[in-house]
Amino acid sequence: MLIVESFLLTAKGVLLSTTDMTGERVCDGKRKICILVFFNIESLLGLGKVLFGPSPVQQFLLTYKLSQDNLELFFSAVHQFGG
């Protein structure tokens, strides 16, 4: 868990310090996608502490299953089977 946690915290730091061409931080701009990524990183870290903590409940976590694009995944599966 420590390797994943340090990777996610590093990624969060990089995203927080990313700037656009004018030098403005991306997370301070009009588009709030960056903020959503931070919430997802924080949520994933919290979930990891519960699932992989002192008495682990899980051995791994498929994060793509946590996506809010379930409908898109469903239609992709239907299309894949020729529907």
PDB file of N, CA and C in Angstrom:
ATOM      1  N   MET A   1       0.828  -1.196   0.000  1.00  0.00           N
ATOM      2  CA  MET A   1       0.000   0.000   0.000  1.00  0.00           C
ATOM      3  C   MET A   1       0.869   1.255   0.000  1.00  0.00           C
ATOM      4  N   LEU A   2       2.021   1.186   0.616  1.00  0.00           N
ATOM      5  CA  LEU A   2       2.866   2.376   0.706  1.00  0.00           C
ATOM      6  C   LEU A   2       3.335   2.857  -0.663  1.00  0.00           C
ATOM      7  N   ILE A   3       3.627   1.938  -1.571  1.00  0.00           N
ATOM      8  CA  ILE A   3       4.084   2.322  -2.901  1.00  0.00           C
ATOM      9  C   ILE A   3       2.961   3.028  -3.649  1.00  0.00           C
ATOM     10  N   VAL A   4       1.763   2.468  -3.585  1.00  0.00           N
ATOM     11  CA  VAL A   4       0.617   3.063  -4.278  1.00  0.00           C
ATOM     12  C   VAL A   4       0.276   4.417  -3.661  1.00  0.00           C
ATOM     13  N   GLU A   5       0.300   4.486  -2.346  1.00  0.00           N
ATOM     14  CA  GLU A   5      -0.027   5.739  -1.673  1.00  0.00           C
ATOM     15  C   GLU A   5       0.979   6.831  -2.029  1.00  0.00           C
ATOM     16  N   SER A   6       2.267   6.497  -2.045  1.00  0.00           N
ATOM     17  CA  SER A   6       3.261   7.520  -2.388  1.00  0.00           C
ATOM     18  C   SER A   6       3.116   7.941  -3.854  1.00  0.00           C
ATOM     19  N   PHE A   7       2.783   6.989  -4.747  1.00  0.00           N
ATOM     20  CA  PHE A   7       2.564   7.333  -6.149  1.00  0.00           C
ATOM     21  C   PHE A   7       1.387   8.287  -6.297  1.00  0.00           C
ATOM     22  N   LEU A   8       0.276   7.993  -5.626  1.00  0.00           N
ATOM     23  CA  LEU A   8      -0.902   8.849  -5.743  1.00  0.00           C
ATOM     24  C   LEU A   8      -0.656  10.234  -5.158  1.00  0.00           C
ATOM     25  N   LEU A   9       0.070  10.301  -4.047  1.00  0.00           N
ATOM     26  CA  LEU A   9       0.373  11.606  -3.460  1.00  0.00           C
ATOM     27  C   LEU A   9       1.322  12.407  -4.352  1.00  0.00           C
ATOM     28  N   THR A  10       2.266  11.728  -4.997  1.00  0.00           N
ATOM     29  CA  THR A  10       3.149  12.408  -5.947  1.00  0.00           C
ATOM     30  C   THR A  10       2.356  12.917  -7.141  1.00  0.00           C
ATOM     31  N   ALA A  11       1.452  12.081  -7.669  1.00  0.00           N
ATOM     32  CA  ALA A  11       0.612  12.488  -8.800  1.00  0.00           C
ATOM     33  C   ALA A  11      -0.250  13.688  -8.420  1.00  0.00           C
ATOM     34  N   LYS A  12      -0.768  13.683  -7.213  1.00  0.00           N
ATOM     35  CA  LYS A  12      -1.584  14.806  -6.748  1.00  0.00           C
ATOM     36  C   LYS A  12      -0.751  16.081  -6.694  1.00  0.00           C
ATOM     37  N   GLY A  13       0.487  15.977  -6.198  1.00  0.00           N
ATOM     38  CA  GLY A  13       1.374  17.141  -6.144  1.00  0.00           C
ATOM     39  C   GLY A  13       1.707  17.680  -7.525  1.00  0.00           C
ATOM     40  N   VAL A  14       1.950  16.778  -8.460  1.00  0.00           N
ATOM     41  CA  VAL A  14       2.250  17.197  -9.833  1.00  0.00           C
ATOM     42  C   VAL A  14       1.044  17.897 -10.444  1.00  0.00           C
ATOM     43  N   LEU A  15      -0.147  17.331 -10.243  1.00  0.00           N
ATOM     44  CA  LEU A  15      -1.349  17.949 -10.797  1.00  0.00           C
ATOM     45  C   LEU A  15      -1.630  19.310 -10.163  1.00  0.00           C
ATOM     46  N   LEU A  16      -1.346  19.440  -8.877  1.00  0.00           N
ATOM     47  CA  LEU A  16      -1.557  20.729  -8.221  1.00  0.00           C
ATOM     48  C   LEU A  16      -0.607  21.798  -8.735  1.00  0.00           C
ATOM     49  N   SER A  17       0.582  21.396  -9.153  1.00  0.00           N
ATOM     50  CA  SER A  17       1.565  22.390  -9.591  1.00  0.00           C
ATOM     51  C   SER A  17       1.578  22.609 -11.099  1.00  0.00           C
ATOM     52  N   THR A  18       0.747  21.894 -11.852  1.00  0.00           N
ATOM     53  CA  THR A  18       0.706  22.041 -13.303  1.00  0.00           C
ATOM     54  C   THR A  18       0.122  23.398 -13.676  1.00  0.00           C
ATOM     55  N   THR A  19       0.794  24.070 -14.624  1.00  0.00           N
ATOM     56  CA  THR A  19       0.330  25.389 -15.065  1.00  0.00           C
ATOM     57  C   THR A  19       0.031  25.360 -16.559  1.00  0.00           C
ATOM     58  N   ASP A  20      -0.765  26.330 -16.996  1.00  0.00           N
ATOM     59  CA  ASP A  20      -1.050  26.451 -18.427  1.00  0.00           C
ATOM     60  C   ASP A  20      -0.034  27.397 -19.070  1.00  0.00           C
ATOM     61  N   MET A  21      -0.283  27.790 -20.311  1.00  0.00           N
ATOM     62  CA  MET A  21       0.676  28.625 -21.053  1.00  0.00           C
ATOM     63  C   MET A  21       0.843  30.013 -20.433  1.00  0.00           C
ATOM     64  N   THR A  22      -0.167  30.485 -19.723  1.00  0.00           N
ATOM     65  CA  THR A  22      -0.076  31.821 -19.118  1.00  0.00           C
ATOM     66  C   THR A  22       0.566  31.783 -17.734  1.00  0.00           C
ATOM     67  N   GLY A  23       0.846  30.588 -17.218  1.00  0.00           N
ATOM     68  CA  GLY A  23       1.454  30.453 -15.895  1.00  0.00           C
ATOM     69  C   GLY A  23       0.447  30.257 -14.786  1.00  0.00           C
ATOM     70  N   GLU A  24      -0.847  30.255 -15.133  1.00  0.00           N
ATOM     71  CA  GLU A  24      -1.890  30.038 -14.126  1.00  0.00           C
ATOM     72  C   GLU A  24      -2.004  28.552 -13.831  1.00  0.00           C
ATOM     73  N   ARG A  25      -2.146  28.224 -12.556  1.00  0.00           N
ATOM     74  CA  ARG A  25      -2.314  26.821 -12.201  1.00  0.00           C
ATOM     75  C   ARG A  25      -3.614  26.286 -12.798  1.00  0.00           C
ATOM     76  N   VAL A  26      -3.563  25.082 -13.330  1.00  0.00           N
ATOM     77  CA  VAL A  26      -4.727  24.489 -13.998  1.00  0.00           C
ATOM     78  C   VAL A  26      -5.878  24.320 -13.016  1.00  0.00           C
ATOM     79  N   CYS A  27      -5.577  23.957 -11.785  1.00  0.00           N
ATOM     80  CA  CYS A  27      -6.651  23.726 -10.813  1.00  0.00           C
ATOM     81  C   CYS A  27      -7.343  25.019 -10.386  1.00  0.00           C
ATOM     82  N   ASP A  28      -6.748  26.181 -10.699  1.00  0.00           N
ATOM     83  CA  ASP A  28      -7.380  27.461 -10.380  1.00  0.00           C
ATOM     84  C   ASP A  28      -8.176  28.033 -11.552  1.00  0.00           C
ATOM     85  N   GLY A  29      -8.163  27.345 -12.687  1.00  0.00           N
ATOM     86  CA  GLY A  29      -8.840  27.826 -13.885  1.00  0.00           C
ATOM     87  C   GLY A  29     -10.329  27.553 -13.873  1.00  0.00           C
ATOM     88  N   LYS A  30     -10.965  27.830 -15.021  1.00  0.00           N
ATOM     89  CA  LYS A  30     -12.409  27.644 -15.152  1.00  0.00           C
ATOM     90  C   LYS A  30     -12.813  26.173 -15.173  1.00  0.00           C
ATOM     91  N   ARG A  31     -11.952  25.327 -15.737  1.00  0.00           N
ATOM     92  CA  ARG A  31     -12.274  23.906 -15.824  1.00  0.00           C
ATOM     93  C   ARG A  31     -11.917  23.243 -14.503  1.00  0.00           C
ATOM     94  N   LYS A  32     -12.850  22.523 -13.946  1.00  0.00           N
ATOM     95  CA  LYS A  32     -12.657  21.943 -12.616  1.00  0.00           C
ATOM     96  C   LYS A  32     -12.333  20.448 -12.662  1.00  0.00           C
ATOM     97  N   ILE A  33     -11.899  19.944 -13.812  1.00  0.00           N
ATOM     98  CA  ILE A  33     -11.557  18.528 -13.935  1.00  0.00           C
ATOM     99  C   ILE A  33     -10.463  18.163 -12.950  1.00  0.00           C
ATOM    100  N   CYS A  34      -9.494  19.034 -12.801  1.00  0.00           N
ATOM    101  CA  CYS A  34      -8.370  18.786 -11.902  1.00  0.00           C
ATOM    102  C   CYS A  34      -8.867  18.575 -10.470  1.00  0.00           C
ATOM    103  N   ILE A  35      -9.837  19.350 -10.046  1.00  0.00           N
ATOM    104  CA  ILE A  35     -10.388  19.222  -8.699  1.00  0.00           C
ATOM    105  C   ILE A  35     -11.061  17.865  -8.541  1.00  0.00           C
ATOM    106  N   LEU A  36     -11.757  17.412  -9.567  1.00  0.00           N
ATOM    107  CA  LEU A  36     -12.398  16.094  -9.502  1.00  0.00           C
ATOM    108  C   LEU A  36     -11.367  14.992  -9.345  1.00  0.00           C
ATOM    109  N   VAL A  37     -10.223  15.135  -9.989  1.00  0.00           N
ATOM    110  CA  VAL A  37      -9.156  14.149  -9.852  1.00  0.00           C
ATOM    111  C   VAL A  37      -8.668  14.111  -8.420  1.00  0.00           C
ATOM    112  N   PHE A  38      -8.543  15.275  -7.767  1.00  0.00           N
ATOM    113  CA  PHE A  38      -8.086  15.304  -6.376  1.00  0.00           C
ATOM    114  C   PHE A  38      -9.070  14.591  -5.466  1.00  0.00           C
ATOM    115  N   PHE A  39     -10.367  14.809  -5.686  1.00  0.00           N
ATOM    116  CA  PHE A  39     -11.365  14.123  -4.877  1.00  0.00           C
ATOM    117  C   PHE A  39     -11.262  12.620  -5.084  1.00  0.00           C
ATOM    118  N   ASN A  40     -11.031  12.197  -6.319  1.00  0.00           N
ATOM    119  CA  ASN A  40     -10.901  10.772  -6.596  1.00  0.00           C
ATOM    120  C   ASN A  40      -9.660  10.187  -5.938  1.00  0.00           C
ATOM    121  N   ILE A  41      -8.546  10.916  -5.945  1.00  0.00           N
ATOM    122  CA  ILE A  41      -7.332  10.435  -5.299  1.00  0.00           C
ATOM    123  C   ILE A  41      -7.558  10.319  -3.795  1.00  0.00           C
ATOM    124  N   GLU A  42      -8.155  11.332  -3.193  1.00  0.00           N
ATOM    125  CA  GLU A  42      -8.424  11.296  -1.756  1.00  0.00           C
ATOM    126  C   GLU A  42      -9.385  10.153  -1.401  1.00  0.00           C
ATOM    127  N   SER A  43     -10.411   9.969  -2.214  1.00  0.00           N
ATOM    128  CA  SER A  43     -11.368   8.891  -1.975  1.00  0.00           C
ATOM    129  C   SER A  43     -10.702   7.532  -2.098  1.00  0.00           C
ATOM    130  N   LEU A  44      -9.853   7.373  -3.107  1.00  0.00           N
ATOM    131  CA  LEU A  44      -9.161   6.110  -3.316  1.00  0.00           C
ATOM    132  C   LEU A  44      -8.211   5.812  -2.164  1.00  0.00           C
ATOM    133  N   LEU A  45      -7.520   6.831  -1.669  1.00  0.00           N
ATOM    134  CA  LEU A  45      -6.632   6.623  -0.520  1.00  0.00           C
ATOM    135  C   LEU A  45      -7.427   6.217   0.725  1.00  0.00           C
ATOM    136  N   GLY A  46      -8.566   6.872   0.940  1.00  0.00           N
ATOM    137  CA  GLY A  46      -9.410   6.516   2.083  1.00  0.00           C
ATOM    138  C   GLY A  46      -9.957   5.103   1.975  1.00  0.00           C
ATOM    139  N   LEU A  47     -10.391   4.739   0.784  1.00  0.00           N
ATOM    140  CA  LEU A  47     -10.903   3.389   0.548  1.00  0.00           C
ATOM    141  C   LEU A  47      -9.796   2.353   0.736  1.00  0.00           C
ATOM    142  N   GLY A  48      -8.590   2.702   0.275  1.00  0.00           N
ATOM    143  CA  GLY A  48      -7.455   1.799   0.430  1.00  0.00           C
ATOM    144  C   GLY A  48      -7.106   1.559   1.884  1.00  0.00           C
ATOM    145  N   LYS A  49      -7.212   2.604   2.704  1.00  0.00           N
ATOM    146  CA  LYS A  49      -6.911   2.442   4.136  1.00  0.00           C
ATOM    147  C   LYS A  49      -7.915   1.519   4.810  1.00  0.00           C
ATOM    148  N   VAL A  50      -9.152   1.540   4.352  1.00  0.00           N
ATOM    149  CA  VAL A  50     -10.169   0.653   4.921  1.00  0.00           C
ATOM    150  C   VAL A  50      -9.981  -0.776   4.419  1.00  0.00           C
ATOM    151  N   LEU A  51      -9.815  -0.941   3.103  1.00  0.00           N
ATOM    152  CA  LEU A  51      -9.741  -2.286   2.527  1.00  0.00           C
ATOM    153  C   LEU A  51      -8.407  -2.981   2.764  1.00  0.00           C
ATOM    154  N   PHE A  52      -7.319  -2.210   2.788  1.00  0.00           N
ATOM    155  CA  PHE A  52      -5.985  -2.802   2.894  1.00  0.00           C
ATOM    156  C   PHE A  52      -5.296  -2.447   4.199  1.00  0.00           C
ATOM    157  N   GLY A  53      -6.054  -2.016   5.198  1.00  0.00           N
ATOM    158  CA  GLY A  53      -5.488  -1.571   6.467  1.00  0.00           C
ATOM    159  C   GLY A  53      -4.919  -2.706   7.302  1.00  0.00           C
ATOM    160  N   PRO A  54      -4.963  -2.542   8.617  1.00  0.00           N
ATOM    161  CA  PRO A  54      -4.355  -3.528   9.519  1.00  0.00           C
ATOM    162  C   PRO A  54      -4.897  -4.948   9.344  1.00  0.00           C
ATOM    163  N   SER A  55      -6.201  -5.072   9.144  1.00  0.00           N
ATOM    164  CA  SER A  55      -6.768  -6.396   8.865  1.00  0.00           C
ATOM    165  C   SER A  55      -7.354  -6.354   7.454  1.00  0.00           C
ATOM    166  N   PRO A  56      -6.527  -6.668   6.437  1.00  0.00           N
ATOM    167  CA  PRO A  56      -6.945  -6.500   5.038  1.00  0.00           C
ATOM    168  C   PRO A  56      -8.182  -7.327   4.674  1.00  0.00           C
ATOM    169  N   VAL A  57      -9.102  -6.674   3.990  1.00  0.00           N
ATOM    170  CA  VAL A  57     -10.305  -7.320   3.501  1.00  0.00           C
ATOM    171  C   VAL A  57     -10.106  -7.758   2.049  1.00  0.00           C
ATOM    172  N   GLN A  58      -9.318  -7.005   1.307  1.00  0.00           N
ATOM    173  CA  GLN A  58      -9.084  -7.247  -0.117  1.00  0.00           C
ATOM    174  C   GLN A  58      -7.591  -7.424  -0.376  1.00  0.00           C
ATOM    175  N   GLN A  59      -7.281  -8.072  -1.509  1.00  0.00           N
ATOM    176  CA  GLN A  59      -5.892  -8.157  -1.942  1.00  0.00           C
ATOM    177  C   GLN A  59      -5.615  -7.164  -3.064  1.00  0.00           C
ATOM    178  N   PHE A  60      -6.645  -6.805  -3.826  1.00  0.00           N
ATOM    179  CA  PHE A  60      -6.492  -5.844  -4.920  1.00  0.00           C
ATOM    180  C   PHE A  60      -7.823  -5.144  -5.136  1.00  0.00           C
ATOM    181  N   LEU A  61      -7.766  -4.039  -5.875  1.00  0.00           N
ATOM    182  CA  LEU A  61      -8.955  -3.244  -6.144  1.00  0.00           C
ATOM    183  C   LEU A  61      -8.942  -2.825  -7.604  1.00  0.00           C
ATOM    184  N   LEU A  62      -9.987  -3.168  -8.334  1.00  0.00           N
ATOM    185  CA  LEU A  62     -10.110  -2.789  -9.740  1.00  0.00           C
ATOM    186  C   LEU A  62     -10.746  -1.402  -9.800  1.00  0.00           C
ATOM    187  N   THR A  63      -9.912  -0.379  -9.957  1.00  0.00           N
ATOM    188  CA  THR A  63     -10.422   0.990  -9.875  1.00  0.00           C
ATOM    189  C   THR A  63     -11.313   1.359 -11.049  1.00  0.00           C
ATOM    190  N   TYR A  64     -11.184   0.671 -12.184  1.00  0.00           N
ATOM    191  CA  TYR A  64     -12.069   1.015 -13.306  1.00  0.00           C
ATOM    192  C   TYR A  64     -13.513   0.659 -12.987  1.00  0.00           C
ATOM    193  N   LYS A  65     -13.719  -0.232 -12.035  1.00  0.00           N
ATOM    194  CA  LYS A  65     -15.082  -0.562 -11.615  1.00  0.00           C
ATOM    195  C   LYS A  65     -15.718   0.567 -10.812  1.00  0.00           C
ATOM    196  N   LEU A  66     -14.907   1.507 -10.324  1.00  0.00           N
ATOM    197  CA  LEU A  66     -15.410   2.637  -9.549  1.00  0.00           C
ATOM    198  C   LEU A  66     -15.818   3.812 -10.433  1.00  0.00           C
ATOM    199  N   SER A  67     -15.653   3.670 -11.734  1.00  0.00           N
ATOM    200  CA  SER A  67     -15.963   4.739 -12.668  1.00  0.00           C
ATOM    201  C   SER A  67     -17.454   5.055 -12.652  1.00  0.00           C
ATOM    202  N   GLN A  68     -17.781   6.311 -12.894  1.00  0.00           N
ATOM    203  CA  GLN A  68     -19.183   6.710 -12.961  1.00  0.00           C
ATOM    204  C   GLN A  68     -19.734   6.553 -14.371  1.00  0.00           C
ATOM    205  N   ASP A  69     -18.932   6.028 -15.254  1.00  0.00           N
ATOM    206  CA  ASP A  69     -19.347   5.843 -16.637  1.00  0.00           C
ATOM    207  C   ASP A  69     -19.903   4.438 -16.866  1.00  0.00           C
ATOM    208  N   ASN A  70     -20.701   3.957 -15.940  1.00  0.00           N
ATOM    209  CA  ASN A  70     -21.219   2.595 -16.048  1.00  0.00           C
ATOM    210  C   ASN A  70     -22.048   2.396 -17.310  1.00  0.00           C
ATOM    211  N   LEU A  71     -22.844   3.387 -17.669  1.00  0.00           N
ATOM    212  CA  LEU A  71     -23.665   3.280 -18.871  1.00  0.00           C
ATOM    213  C   LEU A  71     -22.779   3.184 -20.114  1.00  0.00           C
ATOM    214  N   GLU A  72     -21.718   3.979 -20.158  1.00  0.00           N
ATOM    215  CA  GLU A  72     -20.786   3.926 -21.281  1.00  0.00           C
ATOM    216  C   GLU A  72     -20.117   2.552 -21.359  1.00  0.00           C
ATOM    217  N   LEU A  73     -19.735   1.994 -20.215  1.00  0.00           N
ATOM    218  CA  LEU A  73     -19.127   0.660 -20.202  1.00  0.00           C
ATOM    219  C   LEU A  73     -20.128  -0.400 -20.673  1.00  0.00           C
ATOM    220  N   PHE A  74     -21.394  -0.232 -20.289  1.00  0.00           N
ATOM    221  CA  PHE A  74     -22.421  -1.185 -20.699  1.00  0.00           C
ATOM    222  C   PHE A  74     -22.589  -1.164 -22.216  1.00  0.00           C
ATOM    223  N   PHE A  75     -22.720   0.050 -22.785  1.00  0.00           N
ATOM    224  CA  PHE A  75     -22.895   0.127 -24.234  1.00  0.00           C
ATOM    225  C   PHE A  75     -21.650  -0.327 -24.985  1.00  0.00           C
ATOM    226  N   SER A  76     -20.487  -0.121 -24.395  1.00  0.00           N
ATOM    227  CA  SER A  76     -19.266  -0.623 -25.011  1.00  0.00           C
ATOM    228  C   SER A  76     -19.267  -2.157 -25.059  1.00  0.00           C
ATOM    229  N   ALA A  77     -19.743  -2.782 -23.979  1.00  0.00           N
ATOM    230  CA  ALA A  77     -19.826  -4.251 -23.944  1.00  0.00           C
ATOM    231  C   ALA A  77     -20.847  -4.756 -24.957  1.00  0.00           C
ATOM    232  N   VAL A  78     -21.983  -4.068 -25.080  1.00  0.00           N
ATOM    233  CA  VAL A  78     -23.011  -4.467 -26.049  1.00  0.00           C
ATOM    234  C   VAL A  78     -22.450  -4.340 -27.466  1.00  0.00           C
ATOM    235  N   HIS A  79     -21.752  -3.235 -27.734  1.00  0.00           N
ATOM    236  CA  HIS A  79     -21.167  -3.021 -29.052  1.00  0.00           C
ATOM    237  C   HIS A  79     -20.106  -4.065 -29.358  1.00  0.00           C
ATOM    238  N   GLN A  80     -19.359  -4.466 -28.350  1.00  0.00           N
ATOM    239  CA  GLN A  80     -18.305  -5.445 -28.521  1.00  0.00           C
ATOM    240  C   GLN A  80     -18.871  -6.809 -28.948  1.00  0.00           C
ATOM    241  N   PHE A  81     -20.056  -7.115 -28.480  1.00  0.00           N
ATOM    242  CA  PHE A  81     -20.695  -8.384 -28.825  1.00  0.00           C
ATOM    243  C   PHE A  81     -21.569  -8.262 -30.069  1.00  0.00           C
ATOM    244  N   GLY A  82     -21.405  -7.180 -30.824  1.00  0.00           N
ATOM    245  CA  GLY A  82     -22.088  -7.039 -32.104  1.00  0.00           C
ATOM    246  C   GLY A  82     -23.474  -6.444 -32.016  1.00  0.00           C
ATOM    247  N   GLY A  83     -23.814  -5.859 -30.888  1.00  0.00           N
ATOM    248  CA  GLY A  83     -25.157  -5.293 -30.734  1.00  0.00           C
ATOM    249  C   GLY A  83     -25.266  -3.867 -31.190  1.00  0.00           C
TER     250      GLY A  83
END
